[in-house]
């Protein structure tokens, strides 16, 4: 059995003290690869260093997280694009819109999202979408930008059945499912029943959003096994089937993943 964590910030400072031990833990839980989403300029170097030190485990994605879009967003994008041109990355991400914390830069978030979608099309890469309190704004952009060449994943998907149908209408998008699906009051188990397993990716978003029974603690990739077990329960399938299909899905989307 092999599992892939398609979204973990394992380069974050929260993992510095037990990085090697953490790798051993997730490998013991059959998690073989970790996809790393970038968030801003400062996170690029530690992320790439991790990928260079463990090239068969960690794989980089590059983009500007909407929460880090400020007055200097254009300069940040310019520098990130320079990195993309000179670095082997497997996706553009994480990108998108976040209107939960702050709506000050909503127009800049829209522009940055559009620009980074264009990068994905130019470099034939999938996009990793961060969507928080922003589905409608993201859908308006995708309605204009979507084409046969565009693909991606809605990371940390927590939407409704309507949003599932809308995302499915784009044709080439997956749903990233993490620890939230294990929460007692989560509506996700019911919503997921409307999503075919061949559209599901597993993720943790470590160090955030740990699954039950680790709520309140630092999340880490080894905990993803609990997400896989929850999906096995929802789909009434064996854990091996969940692992096989979600791993195949990951390779279908991230075509540069080795």
C-alpha atoms as a PDB file:
ATOM      1  CA  UNK A   1       0.000   0.000   0.000  1.00  0.00           C
ATOM      2  CA  UNK A   2       1.289   3.442  -0.966  1.00  0.00           C
ATOM      3  CA  UNK A   3      -0.173   6.830  -0.057  1.00  0.00           C
ATOM      4  CA  UNK A   4       0.790  10.338  -1.194  1.00  0.00           C
ATOM      5  CA  UNK A   5       0.218  13.482   0.857  1.00  0.00           C
ATOM      6  CA  UNK A   6      -0.585  16.002  -1.870  1.00  0.00           C
ATOM      7  CA  UNK A   7      -0.403  19.083   0.357  1.00  0.00           C
ATOM      8  CA  UNK A   8       1.871  19.561   3.357  1.00  0.00           C
ATOM      9  CA  UNK A   9       3.991  22.516   4.490  1.00  0.00           C
ATOM     10  CA  UNK A  10       6.710  20.225   5.787  1.00  0.00           C
ATOM     11  CA  UNK A  11       9.364  22.905   5.293  1.00  0.00           C
ATOM     12  CA  UNK A  12       7.695  25.005   8.026  1.00  0.00           C
ATOM     13  CA  UNK A  13       9.539  25.835  11.236  1.00  0.00           C
ATOM     14  CA  UNK A  14       7.138  23.579  13.185  1.00  0.00           C
ATOM     15  CA  UNK A  15       8.974  20.530  11.781  1.00  0.00           C
ATOM     16  CA  UNK A  16      12.574  21.627  12.305  1.00  0.00           C
ATOM     17  CA  UNK A  17      13.106  19.847  15.627  1.00  0.00           C
ATOM     18  CA  UNK A  18      11.967  16.380  14.544  1.00  0.00           C
ATOM     19  CA  UNK A  19      12.153  16.469  10.760  1.00  0.00           C
ATOM     20  CA  UNK A  20      13.904  13.103  10.333  1.00  0.00           C
ATOM     21  CA  UNK A  21      11.759  11.383  12.940  1.00  0.00           C
ATOM     22  CA  UNK A  22       8.671  12.756  11.199  1.00  0.00           C
ATOM     23  CA  UNK A  23       9.822  11.305   7.881  1.00  0.00           C
ATOM     24  CA  UNK A  24      10.285   7.930   9.543  1.00  0.00           C
ATOM     25  CA  UNK A  25       6.786   8.132  11.044  1.00  0.00           C
ATOM     26  CA  UNK A  26       5.016   8.875   7.804  1.00  0.00           C
ATOM     27  CA  UNK A  27       6.994   6.234   5.931  1.00  0.00           C
ATOM     28  CA  UNK A  28       5.930   3.689   8.563  1.00  0.00           C
ATOM     29  CA  UNK A  29       2.328   4.653   7.687  1.00  0.00           C
ATOM     30  CA  UNK A  30       2.967   3.884   3.987  1.00  0.00           C
ATOM     31  CA  UNK A  31       3.145   7.543   2.940  1.00  0.00           C
ATOM     32  CA  UNK A  32       5.842   7.580   0.292  1.00  0.00           C
ATOM     33  CA  UNK A  33       5.785  11.101  -1.150  1.00  0.00           C
ATOM     34  CA  UNK A  34       4.887  14.602   0.017  1.00  0.00           C
ATOM     35  CA  UNK A  35       3.930  17.463  -2.307  1.00  0.00           C
ATOM     36  CA  UNK A  36       4.993  20.845  -0.947  1.00  0.00           C
ATOM     37  CA  UNK A  37       2.950  23.984  -1.699  1.00  0.00           C
ATOM     38  CA  UNK A  38       4.740  27.315  -1.581  1.00  0.00           C
ATOM     39  CA  UNK A  39       3.094  30.284   0.140  1.00  0.00           C
ATOM     40  CA  UNK A  40       5.401  33.315  -0.306  1.00  0.00           C
ATOM     41  CA  UNK A  41       8.940  34.361  -1.227  1.00  0.00           C
ATOM     42  CA  UNK A  42      10.399  33.448   2.172  1.00  0.00           C
ATOM     43  CA  UNK A  43       9.154  29.872   1.987  1.00  0.00           C
ATOM     44  CA  UNK A  44      10.783  29.089  -1.361  1.00  0.00           C
ATOM     45  CA  UNK A  45      14.326  28.424  -0.167  1.00  0.00           C
ATOM     46  CA  UNK A  46      13.484  26.117   2.760  1.00  0.00           C
ATOM     47  CA  UNK A  47      11.047  24.257   0.531  1.00  0.00           C
ATOM     48  CA  UNK A  48      13.566  23.754  -2.268  1.00  0.00           C
ATOM     49  CA  UNK A  49      16.266  22.763   0.226  1.00  0.00           C
ATOM     50  CA  UNK A  50      14.023  20.007   1.557  1.00  0.00           C
ATOM     51  CA  UNK A  51      13.389  18.769  -1.976  1.00  0.00           C
ATOM     52  CA  UNK A  52      17.109  18.762  -2.745  1.00  0.00           C
ATOM     53  CA  UNK A  53      17.965  16.861   0.441  1.00  0.00           C
ATOM     54  CA  UNK A  54      15.226  14.250  -0.076  1.00  0.00           C
ATOM     55  CA  UNK A  55      14.562  14.236  -3.843  1.00  0.00           C
ATOM     56  CA  UNK A  56      12.570  10.989  -3.864  1.00  0.00           C
ATOM     57  CA  UNK A  57      10.214  12.101  -1.088  1.00  0.00           C
ATOM     58  CA  UNK A  58       9.476  15.831  -1.445  1.00  0.00           C
ATOM     59  CA  UNK A  59       8.304  17.641  -4.579  1.00  0.00           C
ATOM     60  CA  UNK A  60       7.953  21.429  -4.952  1.00  0.00           C
ATOM     61  CA  UNK A  61       5.085  23.569  -6.162  1.00  0.00           C
ATOM     62  CA  UNK A  62       5.464  27.309  -6.663  1.00  0.00           C
ATOM     63  CA  UNK A  63       2.924  30.087  -6.298  1.00  0.00           C
ATOM     64  CA  UNK A  64       1.818  33.006  -4.141  1.00  0.00           C
ATOM     65  CA  UNK A  65      -0.765  32.147  -1.475  1.00  0.00           C
ATOM     66  CA  UNK A  66      -3.648  34.660  -1.475  1.00  0.00           C
ATOM     67  CA  UNK A  67      -3.103  35.400   2.208  1.00  0.00           C
ATOM     68  CA  UNK A  68       0.311  36.849   1.357  1.00  0.00           C
ATOM     69  CA  UNK A  69      -0.884  39.207  -1.366  1.00  0.00           C
ATOM     70  CA  UNK A  70      -0.101  42.742  -0.194  1.00  0.00           C
ATOM     71  CA  UNK A  71       1.010  46.028  -1.799  1.00  0.00           C
ATOM     72  CA  UNK A  72       4.110  44.359  -3.286  1.00  0.00           C
ATOM     73  CA  UNK A  73       2.211  41.448  -4.886  1.00  0.00           C
ATOM     74  CA  UNK A  74       3.429  42.205  -8.416  1.00  0.00           C
ATOM     75  CA  UNK A  75       7.088  42.194  -7.349  1.00  0.00           C
ATOM     76  CA  UNK A  76       6.539  38.932  -5.482  1.00  0.00           C
ATOM     77  CA  UNK A  77       4.983  37.355  -8.560  1.00  0.00           C
ATOM     78  CA  UNK A  78       7.864  38.540 -10.712  1.00  0.00           C
ATOM     79  CA  UNK A  79      10.389  36.828  -8.435  1.00  0.00           C
ATOM     80  CA  UNK A  80       8.319  33.649  -8.149  1.00  0.00           C
ATOM     81  CA  UNK A  81       7.988  33.430 -11.928  1.00  0.00           C
ATOM     82  CA  UNK A  82      11.757  33.724 -12.219  1.00  0.00           C
ATOM     83  CA  UNK A  83      12.058  30.713  -9.903  1.00  0.00           C
ATOM     84  CA  UNK A  84       9.513  28.741 -11.913  1.00  0.00           C
ATOM     85  CA  UNK A  85      11.534  29.335 -15.076  1.00  0.00           C
ATOM     86  CA  UNK A  86      14.653  27.897 -13.429  1.00  0.00           C
ATOM     87  CA  UNK A  87      13.238  25.178 -11.174  1.00  0.00           C
ATOM     88  CA  UNK A  88      11.600  21.844 -11.892  1.00  0.00           C
ATOM     89  CA  UNK A  89       8.222  22.146 -10.169  1.00  0.00           C
ATOM     90  CA  UNK A  90       5.175  19.888 -10.412  1.00  0.00           C
ATOM     91  CA  UNK A  91       2.420  22.526 -10.026  1.00  0.00           C
ATOM     92  CA  UNK A  92       1.553  26.182  -9.559  1.00  0.00           C
ATOM     93  CA  UNK A  93       0.406  26.561  -5.969  1.00  0.00           C
ATOM     94  CA  UNK A  94      -0.905  27.247  -3.686  1.00  0.00           C
ATOM     95  CA  UNK A  95      -2.899  29.989  -5.321  1.00  0.00           C
ATOM     96  CA  UNK A  96      -6.484  31.185  -5.222  1.00  0.00           C
ATOM     97  CA  UNK A  97      -8.478  33.499  -2.979  1.00  0.00           C
ATOM     98  CA  UNK A  98      -8.993  33.873   0.771  1.00  0.00           C
ATOM     99  CA  UNK A  99     -11.682  36.289   1.951  1.00  0.00           C
ATOM    100  CA  UNK A 100     -11.933  34.883   5.478  1.00  0.00           C
ATOM    101  CA  UNK A 101      -9.323  37.016   7.204  1.00  0.00           C
ATOM    102  CA  UNK A 102      -9.052  40.141   5.103  1.00  0.00           C
ATOM    103  CA  UNK A 103     -10.770  41.569   2.033  1.00  0.00           C
ATOM    104  CA  UNK A 104      -8.448  44.557   1.663  1.00  0.00           C
ATOM    105  CA  UNK A 105      -6.679  43.136  -1.374  1.00  0.00           C
ATOM    106  CA  UNK A 106      -9.606  41.337  -3.003  1.00  0.00           C
ATOM    107  CA  UNK A 107      -8.978  42.845  -6.446  1.00  0.00           C
ATOM    108  CA  UNK A 108      -5.266  42.098  -6.207  1.00  0.00           C
ATOM    109  CA  UNK A 109      -6.081  38.511  -5.198  1.00  0.00           C
ATOM    110  CA  UNK A 110      -8.234  38.153  -8.319  1.00  0.00           C
ATOM    111  CA  UNK A 111      -5.506  39.530 -10.583  1.00  0.00           C
ATOM    112  CA  UNK A 112      -2.797  37.397  -9.003  1.00  0.00           C
ATOM    113  CA  UNK A 113      -4.955  34.285  -9.361  1.00  0.00           C
ATOM    114  CA  UNK A 114      -5.575  35.019 -13.040  1.00  0.00           C
ATOM    115  CA  UNK A 115      -1.892  35.634 -13.709  1.00  0.00           C
ATOM    116  CA  UNK A 116      -0.862  32.394 -12.027  1.00  0.00           C
ATOM    117  CA  UNK A 117      -3.476  30.420 -13.963  1.00  0.00           C
ATOM    118  CA  UNK A 118      -1.846  31.792 -17.117  1.00  0.00           C
ATOM    119  CA  UNK A 119       1.525  30.531 -15.852  1.00  0.00           C
ATOM    120  CA  UNK A 120       0.037  27.073 -15.377  1.00  0.00           C
ATOM    121  CA  UNK A 121      -1.231  27.060 -18.944  1.00  0.00           C
ATOM    122  CA  UNK A 122       2.062  28.355 -20.322  1.00  0.00           C
ATOM    123  CA  UNK A 123       4.142  25.747 -18.488  1.00  0.00           C
ATOM    124  CA  UNK A 124       1.599  22.888 -18.734  1.00  0.00           C
ATOM    125  CA  UNK A 125       1.243  22.552 -14.977  1.00  0.00           C
ATOM    126  CA  UNK A 126      -1.791  21.924 -12.758  1.00  0.00           C
ATOM    127  CA  UNK A 127      -2.929  24.510 -10.219  1.00  0.00           C
ATOM    128  CA  UNK A 128      -3.480  23.999  -6.488  1.00  0.00           C
ATOM    129  CA  UNK A 129      -6.380  26.200  -5.407  1.00  0.00           C
ATOM    130  CA  UNK A 130      -6.850  27.697  -1.952  1.00  0.00           C
ATOM    131  CA  UNK A 131     -10.529  28.654  -1.651  1.00  0.00           C
ATOM    132  CA  UNK A 132     -11.711  30.099   1.645  1.00  0.00           C
ATOM    133  CA  UNK A 133     -14.988  32.044   1.698  1.00  0.00           C
ATOM    134  CA  UNK A 134     -14.338  32.652  -1.989  1.00  0.00           C
ATOM    135  CA  UNK A 135     -15.916  29.931  -4.132  1.00  0.00           C
ATOM    136  CA  UNK A 136     -18.089  32.333  -6.111  1.00  0.00           C
ATOM    137  CA  UNK A 137     -15.200  34.698  -6.885  1.00  0.00           C
ATOM    138  CA  UNK A 138     -13.008  31.753  -7.916  1.00  0.00           C
ATOM    139  CA  UNK A 139     -15.768  30.292 -10.080  1.00  0.00           C
ATOM    140  CA  UNK A 140     -16.163  33.596 -11.943  1.00  0.00           C
ATOM    141  CA  UNK A 141     -12.468  33.540 -12.812  1.00  0.00           C
ATOM    142  CA  UNK A 142     -12.471  29.867 -13.784  1.00  0.00           C
ATOM    143  CA  UNK A 143     -15.558  30.396 -15.933  1.00  0.00           C
ATOM    144  CA  UNK A 144     -13.379  32.706 -18.045  1.00  0.00           C
ATOM    145  CA  UNK A 145     -10.106  30.821 -17.800  1.00  0.00           C
ATOM    146  CA  UNK A 146     -11.095  27.168 -17.920  1.00  0.00           C
ATOM    147  CA  UNK A 147     -10.093  25.150 -20.968  1.00  0.00           C
ATOM    148  CA  UNK A 148      -9.128  21.585 -21.834  1.00  0.00           C
ATOM    149  CA  UNK A 149      -5.507  22.324 -20.928  1.00  0.00           C
ATOM    150  CA  UNK A 150      -6.286  23.567 -17.401  1.00  0.00           C
ATOM    151  CA  UNK A 151      -6.308  21.115 -14.503  1.00  0.00           C
ATOM    152  CA  UNK A 152      -5.924  21.282 -10.757  1.00  0.00           C
ATOM    153  CA  UNK A 153      -7.173  20.501  -7.288  1.00  0.00           C
ATOM    154  CA  UNK A 154      -9.348  22.383  -4.845  1.00  0.00           C
ATOM    155  CA  UNK A 155      -7.122  21.962  -1.821  1.00  0.00           C
ATOM    156  CA  UNK A 156      -8.780  21.362   1.558  1.00  0.00           C
ATOM    157  CA  UNK A 157     -12.192  21.107  -0.051  1.00  0.00           C
ATOM    158  CA  UNK A 158     -15.022  21.842   2.389  1.00  0.00           C
ATOM    159  CA  UNK A 159     -17.756  22.886  -0.011  1.00  0.00           C
ATOM    160  CA  UNK A 160     -21.321  21.835  -0.663  1.00  0.00           C
ATOM    161  CA  UNK A 161     -22.880  19.526  -3.248  1.00  0.00           C
ATOM    162  CA  UNK A 162     -23.559  22.580  -5.437  1.00  0.00           C
ATOM    163  CA  UNK A 163     -19.873  23.454  -5.372  1.00  0.00           C
ATOM    164  CA  UNK A 164     -18.985  19.846  -6.152  1.00  0.00           C
ATOM    165  CA  UNK A 165     -21.161  19.978  -9.277  1.00  0.00           C
ATOM    166  CA  UNK A 166     -19.692  23.321 -10.327  1.00  0.00           C
ATOM    167  CA  UNK A 167     -16.124  22.078  -9.954  1.00  0.00           C
ATOM    168  CA  UNK A 168     -16.946  18.869 -11.823  1.00  0.00           C
ATOM    169  CA  UNK A 169     -18.303  20.961 -14.694  1.00  0.00           C
ATOM    170  CA  UNK A 170     -14.791  22.266 -15.365  1.00  0.00           C
ATOM    171  CA  UNK A 171     -13.721  18.764 -16.326  1.00  0.00           C
ATOM    172  CA  UNK A 172     -10.170  18.406 -15.053  1.00  0.00           C
ATOM    173  CA  UNK A 173     -10.301  19.210 -11.337  1.00  0.00           C
ATOM    174  CA  UNK A 174      -9.885  17.090  -8.217  1.00  0.00           C
ATOM    175  CA  UNK A 175     -10.917  17.487  -4.589  1.00  0.00           C
ATOM    176  CA  UNK A 176      -8.216  17.556  -1.890  1.00  0.00           C
ATOM    177  CA  UNK A 177      -9.541  15.906   1.270  1.00  0.00           C
ATOM    178  CA  UNK A 178      -7.801  16.215   4.639  1.00  0.00           C
ATOM    179  CA  UNK A 179      -8.424  16.084   8.367  1.00  0.00           C
ATOM    180  CA  UNK A 180     -11.691  18.059   8.299  1.00  0.00           C
ATOM    181  CA  UNK A 181     -13.503  14.967   6.982  1.00  0.00           C
ATOM    182  CA  UNK A 182     -12.874  13.253  10.345  1.00  0.00           C
ATOM    183  CA  UNK A 183     -14.425  16.028  12.465  1.00  0.00           C
ATOM    184  CA  UNK A 184     -17.586  15.129  14.374  1.00  0.00           C
ATOM    185  CA  UNK A 185     -19.752  17.949  13.018  1.00  0.00           C
ATOM    186  CA  UNK A 186     -18.290  18.023   9.497  1.00  0.00           C
ATOM    187  CA  UNK A 187     -20.746  17.901   6.597  1.00  0.00           C
ATOM    188  CA  UNK A 188     -18.019  16.529   4.324  1.00  0.00           C
ATOM    189  CA  UNK A 189     -18.800  12.806   4.709  1.00  0.00           C
ATOM    190  CA  UNK A 190     -22.238  13.379   3.175  1.00  0.00           C
ATOM    191  CA  UNK A 191     -20.907  15.676   0.445  1.00  0.00           C
ATOM    192  CA  UNK A 192     -18.123  13.256  -0.459  1.00  0.00           C
ATOM    193  CA  UNK A 193     -20.685  10.598  -1.317  1.00  0.00           C
ATOM    194  CA  UNK A 194     -21.453  12.703  -4.409  1.00  0.00           C
ATOM    195  CA  UNK A 195     -17.797  12.680  -5.517  1.00  0.00           C
ATOM    196  CA  UNK A 196     -16.438   9.621  -7.374  1.00  0.00           C
ATOM    197  CA  UNK A 197     -13.296   8.244  -5.762  1.00  0.00           C
ATOM    198  CA  UNK A 198     -11.369   8.872  -8.985  1.00  0.00           C
ATOM    199  CA  UNK A 199     -11.677  12.620  -8.278  1.00  0.00           C
ATOM    200  CA  UNK A 200     -10.265  12.486  -4.730  1.00  0.00           C
ATOM    201  CA  UNK A 201      -6.736  13.360  -3.536  1.00  0.00           C
ATOM    202  CA  UNK A 202      -5.470  12.834   0.003  1.00  0.00           C
ATOM    203  CA  UNK A 203      -3.715  15.630   1.898  1.00  0.00           C
ATOM    204  CA  UNK A 204      -2.941  16.905   5.389  1.00  0.00           C
ATOM    205  CA  UNK A 205      -2.163  20.634   5.056  1.00  0.00           C
ATOM    206  CA  UNK A 206       0.375  19.988   7.813  1.00  0.00           C
ATOM    207  CA  UNK A 207       0.992  21.551  10.288  1.00  0.00           C
ATOM    208  CA  UNK A 208      -2.653  22.679  10.160  1.00  0.00           C
ATOM    209  CA  UNK A 209      -6.030  20.918  10.447  1.00  0.00           C
ATOM    210  CA  UNK A 210      -5.033  17.665  12.177  1.00  0.00           C
ATOM    211  CA  UNK A 211      -7.515  14.798  11.948  1.00  0.00           C
ATOM    212  CA  UNK A 212      -9.256  13.123  14.842  1.00  0.00           C
ATOM    213  CA  UNK A 213      -7.759  11.942  17.223  1.00  0.00           C
ATOM    214  CA  UNK A 214      -5.064  14.648  17.017  1.00  0.00           C
ATOM    215  CA  UNK A 215      -7.182  17.812  17.033  1.00  0.00           C
ATOM    216  CA  UNK A 216      -5.443  20.621  18.867  1.00  0.00           C
ATOM    217  CA  UNK A 217      -1.994  19.230  18.074  1.00  0.00           C
ATOM    218  CA  UNK A 218       0.442  19.903  15.259  1.00  0.00           C
ATOM    219  CA  UNK A 219      -0.636  18.034  12.158  1.00  0.00           C
ATOM    220  CA  UNK A 220       1.920  15.913  10.321  1.00  0.00           C
ATOM    221  CA  UNK A 221       1.884  13.667   7.232  1.00  0.00           C
ATOM    222  CA  UNK A 222       1.848  10.442   9.261  1.00  0.00           C
ATOM    223  CA  UNK A 223      -1.658  11.332  10.454  1.00  0.00           C
ATOM    224  CA  UNK A 224      -3.016  11.102   6.916  1.00  0.00           C
ATOM    225  CA  UNK A 225      -3.706   7.428   7.482  1.00  0.00           C
ATOM    226  CA  UNK A 226      -6.737   8.531   9.531  1.00  0.00           C
ATOM    227  CA  UNK A 227      -8.073  10.475   6.550  1.00  0.00           C
ATOM    228  CA  UNK A 228      -7.629   7.414   4.331  1.00  0.00           C
ATOM    229  CA  UNK A 229      -9.419   5.232   6.891  1.00  0.00           C
ATOM    230  CA  UNK A 230     -12.330   7.682   7.046  1.00  0.00           C
ATOM    231  CA  UNK A 231     -12.648   7.606   3.256  1.00  0.00           C
ATOM    232  CA  UNK A 232     -12.604   3.795   3.350  1.00  0.00           C
ATOM    233  CA  UNK A 233     -15.579   3.991   5.719  1.00  0.00           C
ATOM    234  CA  UNK A 234     -17.450   6.537   3.561  1.00  0.00           C
ATOM    235  CA  UNK A 235     -16.950   4.642   0.307  1.00  0.00           C
ATOM    236  CA  UNK A 236     -17.314   1.209   1.939  1.00  0.00           C
ATOM    237  CA  UNK A 237     -14.034   0.088   0.409  1.00  0.00           C
ATOM    238  CA  UNK A 238     -10.846  -1.442   1.714  1.00  0.00           C
ATOM    239  CA  UNK A 239      -7.962   0.805   2.687  1.00  0.00           C
ATOM    240  CA  UNK A 240      -5.856  -0.712  -0.102  1.00  0.00           C
ATOM    241  CA  UNK A 241      -8.429   0.393  -2.684  1.00  0.00           C
ATOM    242  CA  UNK A 242      -8.472   3.932  -1.286  1.00  0.00           C
ATOM    243  CA  UNK A 243      -4.681   4.043  -1.414  1.00  0.00           C
ATOM    244  CA  UNK A 244      -4.461   2.660  -4.946  1.00  0.00           C
ATOM    245  CA  UNK A 245      -7.089   4.974  -6.442  1.00  0.00           C
ATOM    246  CA  UNK A 246      -5.978   8.186  -4.722  1.00  0.00           C
ATOM    247  CA  UNK A 247      -2.349   7.486  -5.610  1.00  0.00           C
ATOM    248  CA  UNK A 248      -3.329   6.896  -9.237  1.00  0.00           C
ATOM    249  CA  UNK A 249      -5.324  10.141  -9.153  1.00  0.00           C
ATOM    250  CA  UNK A 250      -2.260  11.991  -7.885  1.00  0.00           C
ATOM    251  CA  UNK A 251      -0.154  10.768 -10.784  1.00  0.00           C
ATOM    252  CA  UNK A 252      -2.945  11.610 -13.230  1.00  0.00           C
ATOM    253  CA  UNK A 253      -2.989  15.240 -12.077  1.00  0.00           C
ATOM    254  CA  UNK A 254       0.669  15.843 -11.267  1.00  0.00           C
ATOM    255  CA  UNK A 255       2.175  14.466 -14.443  1.00  0.00           C
ATOM    256  CA  UNK A 256       5.708  15.609 -13.593  1.00  0.00           C
ATOM    257  CA  UNK A 257       5.678  13.612 -10.339  1.00  0.00           C
ATOM    258  CA  UNK A 258       8.236  10.807 -10.525  1.00  0.00           C
END
